[in-house]
Amino acid sequence: MPKLRIRDAAAFLGVSDDTVRRWIDLGTLPAETDASNRKVIDGYTLAKFAQTQAHPMADPSRVSSSARNRFVGLVVGIITDKVMAQVELQCGPFRVVSLMSSEAVRDLGLELGSVAVAVVKSTTVIIETPRDEP
């Protein structure tokens, strides 16, 4: 199982090293000591912990959907021409971009600062891993 140093765990969780150390000291996040006597966190344990810390915004749309990938965010960019538009949402730390008709932008009443939900349903999801450095 991969082991992550405190600084890497903090980066994945979007918090400071000190916050991770406090969680370890409180027993909230289990850690071990590696061969170099550094505190490390099991990768799977960190992933499960991250799930418990994730608090996405409530979905304001109140619709039922088969799509499980729903990202609530704010409209931060709209580029339109006569036919098509590009709409950019900031959903927490994630940027989501959608291409749609300019008519759809008008019908949805989208404007900068609007709350919107990006719904992603795809048969293709690409997963990448970091390359080991030589």
N, C-alpha and C. Protein backbone atom coordinates (compact mmCIF):
# COMPACT_ATOMS: atom_id res chain seq x y z
N MET A 1 0.85 -1.18 0.00
CA MET A 1 0.00 0.00 0.00
C MET A 1 0.89 1.24 0.00
N PRO A 2 0.61 2.23 -0.87
CA PRO A 2 1.43 3.44 -0.90
C PRO A 2 1.34 4.22 0.41
N LYS A 3 2.44 4.82 0.79
CA LYS A 3 2.51 5.64 2.00
C LYS A 3 2.81 7.08 1.57
N LEU A 4 2.11 8.03 2.17
CA LEU A 4 2.29 9.43 1.81
C LEU A 4 2.84 10.21 2.99
N ARG A 5 3.76 11.10 2.70
CA ARG A 5 4.30 11.99 3.73
C ARG A 5 3.24 13.02 4.09
N ILE A 6 3.40 13.64 5.24
CA ILE A 6 2.42 14.60 5.74
C ILE A 6 2.20 15.74 4.74
N ARG A 7 3.26 16.27 4.16
CA ARG A 7 3.10 17.39 3.22
C ARG A 7 2.28 16.99 2.01
N ASP A 8 2.46 15.74 1.53
CA ASP A 8 1.70 15.27 0.37
C ASP A 8 0.24 15.04 0.75
N ALA A 9 0.02 14.47 1.94
CA ALA A 9 -1.35 14.27 2.42
C ALA A 9 -2.06 15.62 2.53
N ALA A 10 -1.36 16.62 3.06
CA ALA A 10 -1.94 17.95 3.21
C ALA A 10 -2.32 18.53 1.85
N ALA A 11 -1.45 18.34 0.87
CA ALA A 11 -1.74 18.85 -0.48
C ALA A 11 -2.99 18.18 -1.05
N PHE A 12 -3.12 16.88 -0.88
CA PHE A 12 -4.30 16.17 -1.39
C PHE A 12 -5.57 16.62 -0.69
N LEU A 13 -5.48 16.93 0.59
CA LEU A 13 -6.66 17.34 1.36
C LEU A 13 -6.94 18.83 1.27
N GLY A 14 -5.99 19.60 0.73
CA GLY A 14 -6.18 21.04 0.62
C GLY A 14 -6.10 21.77 1.95
N VAL A 15 -5.27 21.25 2.85
CA VAL A 15 -5.08 21.86 4.17
C VAL A 15 -3.59 22.03 4.42
N SER A 16 -3.25 22.63 5.55
CA SER A 16 -1.84 22.81 5.89
C SER A 16 -1.25 21.54 6.50
N ASP A 17 0.07 21.47 6.50
CA ASP A 17 0.77 20.37 7.16
C ASP A 17 0.38 20.32 8.64
N ASP A 18 0.27 21.50 9.26
CA ASP A 18 -0.08 21.57 10.68
C ASP A 18 -1.45 20.95 10.95
N THR A 19 -2.40 21.16 10.04
CA THR A 19 -3.74 20.58 10.22
C THR A 19 -3.65 19.06 10.19
N VAL A 20 -2.89 18.52 9.27
CA VAL A 20 -2.72 17.06 9.20
C VAL A 20 -2.05 16.56 10.47
N ARG A 21 -1.04 17.25 10.95
CA ARG A 21 -0.38 16.85 12.20
C ARG A 21 -1.36 16.87 13.38
N ARG A 22 -2.22 17.89 13.43
CA ARG A 22 -3.23 17.95 14.51
C ARG A 22 -4.18 16.76 14.43
N TRP A 23 -4.62 16.43 13.22
CA TRP A 23 -5.52 15.28 13.05
C TRP A 23 -4.84 13.99 13.50
N ILE A 24 -3.56 13.88 13.20
CA ILE A 24 -2.79 12.69 13.64
C ILE A 24 -2.70 12.68 15.16
N ASP A 25 -2.35 13.82 15.76
CA ASP A 25 -2.23 13.91 17.23
C ASP A 25 -3.56 13.61 17.93
N LEU A 26 -4.67 14.01 17.32
CA LEU A 26 -5.99 13.77 17.91
C LEU A 26 -6.48 12.34 17.67
N GLY A 27 -5.76 11.61 16.81
CA GLY A 27 -6.18 10.24 16.48
C GLY A 27 -7.26 10.19 15.41
N THR A 28 -7.55 11.33 14.81
CA THR A 28 -8.56 11.39 13.75
C THR A 28 -8.05 10.77 12.46
N LEU A 29 -6.77 10.91 12.22
CA LEU A 29 -6.13 10.39 11.01
C LEU A 29 -4.96 9.50 11.43
N PRO A 30 -5.07 8.20 11.22
CA PRO A 30 -3.98 7.30 11.64
C PRO A 30 -2.72 7.48 10.79
N ALA A 31 -1.59 7.39 11.45
CA ALA A 31 -0.30 7.50 10.77
C ALA A 31 0.65 6.44 11.31
N GLU A 32 1.70 6.20 10.54
CA GLU A 32 2.74 5.25 10.93
C GLU A 32 4.08 5.96 10.81
N THR A 33 5.11 5.29 11.23
CA THR A 33 6.46 5.82 11.07
C THR A 33 7.18 4.95 10.06
N ASP A 34 7.83 5.60 9.07
CA ASP A 34 8.54 4.82 8.05
C ASP A 34 9.96 4.50 8.51
N ALA A 35 10.72 3.88 7.64
CA ALA A 35 12.08 3.45 7.97
C ALA A 35 13.00 4.63 8.31
N SER A 36 12.67 5.82 7.79
CA SER A 36 13.47 7.02 8.06
C SER A 36 12.95 7.79 9.27
N ASN A 37 12.02 7.17 10.01
CA ASN A 37 11.44 7.75 11.22
C ASN A 37 10.57 8.99 10.93
N ARG A 38 9.97 9.02 9.73
CA ARG A 38 9.04 10.10 9.37
C ARG A 38 7.62 9.56 9.48
N LYS A 39 6.69 10.45 9.84
CA LYS A 39 5.28 10.05 9.88
C LYS A 39 4.78 9.95 8.45
N VAL A 40 4.09 8.85 8.17
CA VAL A 40 3.48 8.65 6.86
C VAL A 40 2.05 8.15 7.05
N ILE A 41 1.26 8.35 6.02
CA ILE A 41 -0.14 7.94 6.06
C ILE A 41 -0.40 6.99 4.91
N ASP A 42 -1.07 5.91 5.23
CA ASP A 42 -1.45 4.92 4.22
C ASP A 42 -2.34 5.59 3.18
N GLY A 43 -2.06 5.39 1.90
CA GLY A 43 -2.80 6.03 0.81
C GLY A 43 -4.29 5.73 0.84
N TYR A 44 -4.66 4.48 1.09
CA TYR A 44 -6.07 4.10 1.12
C TYR A 44 -6.77 4.75 2.31
N THR A 45 -6.11 4.76 3.46
CA THR A 45 -6.66 5.41 4.65
C THR A 45 -6.89 6.89 4.38
N LEU A 46 -5.94 7.54 3.70
CA LEU A 46 -6.08 8.95 3.38
C LEU A 46 -7.26 9.17 2.43
N ALA A 47 -7.41 8.30 1.45
CA ALA A 47 -8.53 8.42 0.50
C ALA A 47 -9.87 8.31 1.22
N LYS A 48 -10.00 7.35 2.12
CA LYS A 48 -11.24 7.18 2.88
C LYS A 48 -11.48 8.40 3.78
N PHE A 49 -10.44 8.92 4.39
CA PHE A 49 -10.55 10.10 5.24
C PHE A 49 -11.01 11.30 4.40
N ALA A 50 -10.44 11.44 3.21
CA ALA A 50 -10.82 12.55 2.32
C ALA A 50 -12.31 12.49 2.00
N GLN A 51 -12.84 11.28 1.82
CA GLN A 51 -14.27 11.15 1.55
C GLN A 51 -15.11 11.67 2.72
N THR A 52 -14.66 11.44 3.93
CA THR A 52 -15.43 11.91 5.09
C THR A 52 -15.34 13.42 5.24
N GLN A 53 -14.30 14.03 4.70
CA GLN A 53 -14.11 15.48 4.82
C GLN A 53 -14.75 16.26 3.69
N ALA A 54 -15.15 15.57 2.63
CA ALA A 54 -15.73 16.25 1.46
C ALA A 54 -17.16 16.68 1.77
N HIS A 55 -17.41 17.95 1.63
CA HIS A 55 -18.75 18.49 1.89
C HIS A 55 -19.16 19.36 0.71
N PRO A 56 -19.62 18.72 -0.37
CA PRO A 56 -20.01 19.51 -1.53
C PRO A 56 -21.26 20.34 -1.21
N MET A 57 -21.43 21.41 -1.96
CA MET A 57 -22.63 22.22 -1.79
C MET A 57 -23.86 21.39 -2.12
N ALA A 58 -24.95 21.70 -1.46
CA ALA A 58 -26.21 21.02 -1.74
C ALA A 58 -26.65 21.35 -3.16
N ASP A 59 -27.19 20.36 -3.84
CA ASP A 59 -27.66 20.53 -5.21
C ASP A 59 -28.99 21.28 -5.16
N PRO A 60 -29.04 22.50 -5.69
CA PRO A 60 -30.27 23.29 -5.60
C PRO A 60 -31.33 22.90 -6.62
N SER A 61 -31.01 21.99 -7.54
CA SER A 61 -31.93 21.70 -8.64
C SER A 61 -33.11 20.82 -8.25
N ARG A 62 -32.99 20.06 -7.18
CA ARG A 62 -34.07 19.20 -6.70
C ARG A 62 -34.66 18.30 -7.79
N VAL A 63 -33.79 17.71 -8.59
CA VAL A 63 -34.23 16.77 -9.62
C VAL A 63 -33.65 15.40 -9.33
N SER A 64 -34.33 14.37 -9.80
CA SER A 64 -33.79 13.02 -9.72
C SER A 64 -33.07 12.74 -11.03
N SER A 65 -31.95 12.06 -10.93
CA SER A 65 -31.14 11.82 -12.12
C SER A 65 -30.34 10.54 -11.96
N SER A 66 -30.08 9.89 -13.07
CA SER A 66 -29.23 8.70 -13.02
C SER A 66 -27.75 9.08 -12.99
N ALA A 67 -27.45 10.33 -13.31
CA ALA A 67 -26.06 10.79 -13.31
C ALA A 67 -25.60 11.01 -11.87
N ARG A 68 -24.49 10.42 -11.51
CA ARG A 68 -23.98 10.54 -10.15
C ARG A 68 -22.93 11.65 -10.01
N ASN A 69 -22.43 12.10 -11.12
CA ASN A 69 -21.38 13.12 -11.09
C ASN A 69 -22.01 14.49 -11.28
N ARG A 70 -22.35 15.12 -10.15
CA ARG A 70 -23.02 16.43 -10.16
C ARG A 70 -22.14 17.40 -9.38
N PHE A 71 -21.81 18.51 -10.00
CA PHE A 71 -20.91 19.48 -9.40
C PHE A 71 -21.61 20.84 -9.31
N VAL A 72 -21.89 21.28 -8.10
CA VAL A 72 -22.52 22.58 -7.89
C VAL A 72 -21.43 23.64 -7.89
N GLY A 73 -21.67 24.72 -8.61
CA GLY A 73 -20.66 25.76 -8.66
C GLY A 73 -21.22 27.10 -9.08
N LEU A 74 -20.31 28.02 -9.30
CA LEU A 74 -20.65 29.37 -9.74
C LEU A 74 -20.13 29.60 -11.14
N VAL A 75 -20.91 30.28 -11.95
CA VAL A 75 -20.49 30.62 -13.31
C VAL A 75 -19.41 31.68 -13.23
N VAL A 76 -18.24 31.38 -13.77
CA VAL A 76 -17.12 32.33 -13.74
C VAL A 76 -16.71 32.79 -15.13
N GLY A 77 -17.28 32.18 -16.15
CA GLY A 77 -16.95 32.60 -17.50
C GLY A 77 -18.02 32.19 -18.50
N ILE A 78 -18.36 33.10 -19.40
CA ILE A 78 -19.29 32.79 -20.48
C ILE A 78 -18.74 33.45 -21.74
N ILE A 79 -18.53 32.64 -22.77
CA ILE A 79 -18.12 33.16 -24.07
C ILE A 79 -19.19 32.70 -25.06
N THR A 80 -19.82 33.64 -25.73
CA THR A 80 -20.87 33.27 -26.67
C THR A 80 -20.61 33.88 -28.03
N ASP A 81 -21.10 33.19 -29.04
CA ASP A 81 -21.17 33.78 -30.38
C ASP A 81 -22.61 33.62 -30.83
N LYS A 82 -22.85 33.68 -32.11
CA LYS A 82 -24.23 33.64 -32.61
C LYS A 82 -24.91 32.30 -32.31
N VAL A 83 -24.16 31.20 -32.35
CA VAL A 83 -24.76 29.88 -32.22
C VAL A 83 -24.33 29.14 -30.95
N MET A 84 -23.05 29.17 -30.61
CA MET A 84 -22.53 28.36 -29.52
C MET A 84 -22.00 29.21 -28.38
N ALA A 85 -21.87 28.54 -27.20
CA ALA A 85 -21.34 29.20 -26.02
C ALA A 85 -20.44 28.25 -25.24
N GLN A 86 -19.49 28.84 -24.54
CA GLN A 86 -18.64 28.10 -23.60
C GLN A 86 -18.93 28.68 -22.22
N VAL A 87 -19.34 27.80 -21.29
CA VAL A 87 -19.67 28.23 -19.93
C VAL A 87 -18.69 27.55 -18.98
N GLU A 88 -18.07 28.35 -18.12
CA GLU A 88 -17.09 27.83 -17.16
C GLU A 88 -17.65 27.98 -15.76
N LEU A 89 -17.63 26.88 -15.00
CA LEU A 89 -18.07 26.88 -13.61
C LEU A 89 -16.86 26.64 -12.71
N GLN A 90 -16.88 27.24 -11.54
CA GLN A 90 -15.90 26.92 -10.49
C GLN A 90 -16.67 26.15 -9.44
N CYS A 91 -16.38 24.85 -9.36
CA CYS A 91 -17.07 23.94 -8.45
C CYS A 91 -16.09 23.53 -7.37
N GLY A 92 -16.04 24.29 -6.28
CA GLY A 92 -15.03 24.05 -5.27
C GLY A 92 -13.67 24.28 -5.90
N PRO A 93 -12.75 23.34 -5.75
CA PRO A 93 -11.43 23.53 -6.35
C PRO A 93 -11.38 23.13 -7.83
N PHE A 94 -12.51 22.70 -8.39
CA PHE A 94 -12.51 22.18 -9.74
C PHE A 94 -13.14 23.13 -10.74
N ARG A 95 -12.53 23.21 -11.91
CA ARG A 95 -13.03 24.01 -13.02
C ARG A 95 -13.75 23.05 -13.96
N VAL A 96 -15.00 23.37 -14.28
CA VAL A 96 -15.79 22.55 -15.20
C VAL A 96 -16.23 23.44 -16.35
N VAL A 97 -15.99 23.00 -17.58
CA VAL A 97 -16.33 23.78 -18.76
C VAL A 97 -17.34 23.00 -19.59
N SER A 98 -18.38 23.70 -20.04
CA SER A 98 -19.41 23.07 -20.86
C SER A 98 -19.59 23.87 -22.15
N LEU A 99 -19.78 23.15 -23.25
CA LEU A 99 -20.12 23.77 -24.53
C LEU A 99 -21.60 23.53 -24.76
N MET A 100 -22.32 24.59 -25.10
CA MET A 100 -23.76 24.48 -25.33
C MET A 100 -24.18 25.55 -26.32
N SER A 101 -25.42 25.52 -26.70
CA SER A 101 -25.91 26.55 -27.61
C SER A 101 -26.04 27.88 -26.87
N SER A 102 -25.91 28.97 -27.60
CA SER A 102 -26.13 30.29 -27.02
C SER A 102 -27.57 30.42 -26.55
N GLU A 103 -28.48 29.78 -27.26
CA GLU A 103 -29.89 29.78 -26.88
C GLU A 103 -30.06 29.15 -25.49
N ALA A 104 -29.34 28.05 -25.20
CA ALA A 104 -29.43 27.39 -23.90
C ALA A 104 -28.96 28.32 -22.79
N VAL A 105 -27.90 29.09 -23.04
CA VAL A 105 -27.40 30.04 -22.04
C VAL A 105 -28.50 31.05 -21.71
N ARG A 106 -29.17 31.56 -22.75
CA ARG A 106 -30.26 32.52 -22.53
C ARG A 106 -31.43 31.86 -21.81
N ASP A 107 -31.82 30.66 -22.24
CA ASP A 107 -32.96 29.96 -21.63
C ASP A 107 -32.71 29.65 -20.16
N LEU A 108 -31.46 29.31 -19.81
CA LEU A 108 -31.12 28.99 -18.42
C LEU A 108 -30.90 30.24 -17.58
N GLY A 109 -30.82 31.39 -18.24
CA GLY A 109 -30.57 32.64 -17.51
C GLY A 109 -29.19 32.69 -16.90
N LEU A 110 -28.22 32.04 -17.54
CA LEU A 110 -26.86 32.01 -17.00
C LEU A 110 -26.20 33.37 -17.13
N GLU A 111 -25.56 33.80 -16.06
CA GLU A 111 -24.76 35.02 -16.07
C GLU A 111 -23.63 34.82 -15.07
N LEU A 112 -22.62 35.66 -15.16
CA LEU A 112 -21.49 35.55 -14.24
C LEU A 112 -22.00 35.62 -12.80
N GLY A 113 -21.57 34.67 -11.99
CA GLY A 113 -21.98 34.61 -10.59
C GLY A 113 -23.21 33.75 -10.34
N SER A 114 -23.86 33.27 -11.40
CA SER A 114 -25.03 32.39 -11.23
C SER A 114 -24.62 31.07 -10.60
N VAL A 115 -25.50 30.51 -9.77
CA VAL A 115 -25.30 29.15 -9.26
C VAL A 115 -25.81 28.19 -10.33
N ALA A 116 -25.03 27.16 -10.61
CA ALA A 116 -25.41 26.18 -11.62
C ALA A 116 -24.88 24.81 -11.21
N VAL A 117 -25.43 23.77 -11.81
CA VAL A 117 -25.00 22.41 -11.54
C VAL A 117 -24.49 21.80 -12.84
N ALA A 118 -23.25 21.32 -12.83
CA ALA A 118 -22.70 20.60 -13.97
C ALA A 118 -23.00 19.12 -13.75
N VAL A 119 -23.66 18.50 -14.71
CA VAL A 119 -24.01 17.09 -14.62
C VAL A 119 -23.18 16.36 -15.68
N VAL A 120 -22.40 15.38 -15.23
CA VAL A 120 -21.51 14.66 -16.14
C VAL A 120 -21.92 13.19 -16.17
N LYS A 121 -22.26 12.71 -17.34
CA LYS A 121 -22.58 11.29 -17.52
C LYS A 121 -21.80 10.86 -18.75
N SER A 122 -20.84 10.02 -18.56
CA SER A 122 -19.96 9.66 -19.66
C SER A 122 -19.60 8.18 -19.59
N THR A 123 -19.43 7.61 -20.75
CA THR A 123 -18.97 6.23 -20.80
C THR A 123 -17.44 6.17 -20.80
N THR A 124 -16.80 7.32 -20.94
CA THR A 124 -15.35 7.34 -20.95
C THR A 124 -14.84 8.18 -19.80
N VAL A 125 -14.08 7.56 -18.91
CA VAL A 125 -13.40 8.27 -17.85
C VAL A 125 -11.94 7.82 -17.92
N ILE A 126 -11.06 8.76 -18.08
CA ILE A 126 -9.64 8.45 -18.22
C ILE A 126 -8.98 8.64 -16.86
N ILE A 127 -8.24 7.66 -16.42
CA ILE A 127 -7.52 7.73 -15.15
C ILE A 127 -6.03 7.67 -15.46
N GLU A 128 -5.29 8.59 -14.88
CA GLU A 128 -3.85 8.65 -15.09
C GLU A 128 -3.14 8.54 -13.75
N THR A 129 -1.92 8.09 -13.77
CA THR A 129 -1.10 8.03 -12.56
C THR A 129 0.20 8.79 -12.81
N PRO A 130 0.79 9.32 -11.77
CA PRO A 130 2.07 10.02 -11.95
C PRO A 130 3.14 9.04 -12.43
N ARG A 131 4.00 9.54 -13.29
CA ARG A 131 5.10 8.74 -13.79
C ARG A 131 6.22 8.73 -12.76
N ASP A 132 6.82 7.58 -12.55
CA ASP A 132 7.96 7.50 -11.63
C ASP A 132 9.12 8.26 -12.25
N GLU A 133 9.78 9.06 -11.43
CA GLU A 133 10.93 9.80 -11.92
C GLU A 133 12.14 8.90 -11.97
N PRO A 134 12.99 9.06 -12.99
CA PRO A 134 14.17 8.18 -13.13
C PRO A 134 15.18 8.40 -12.04
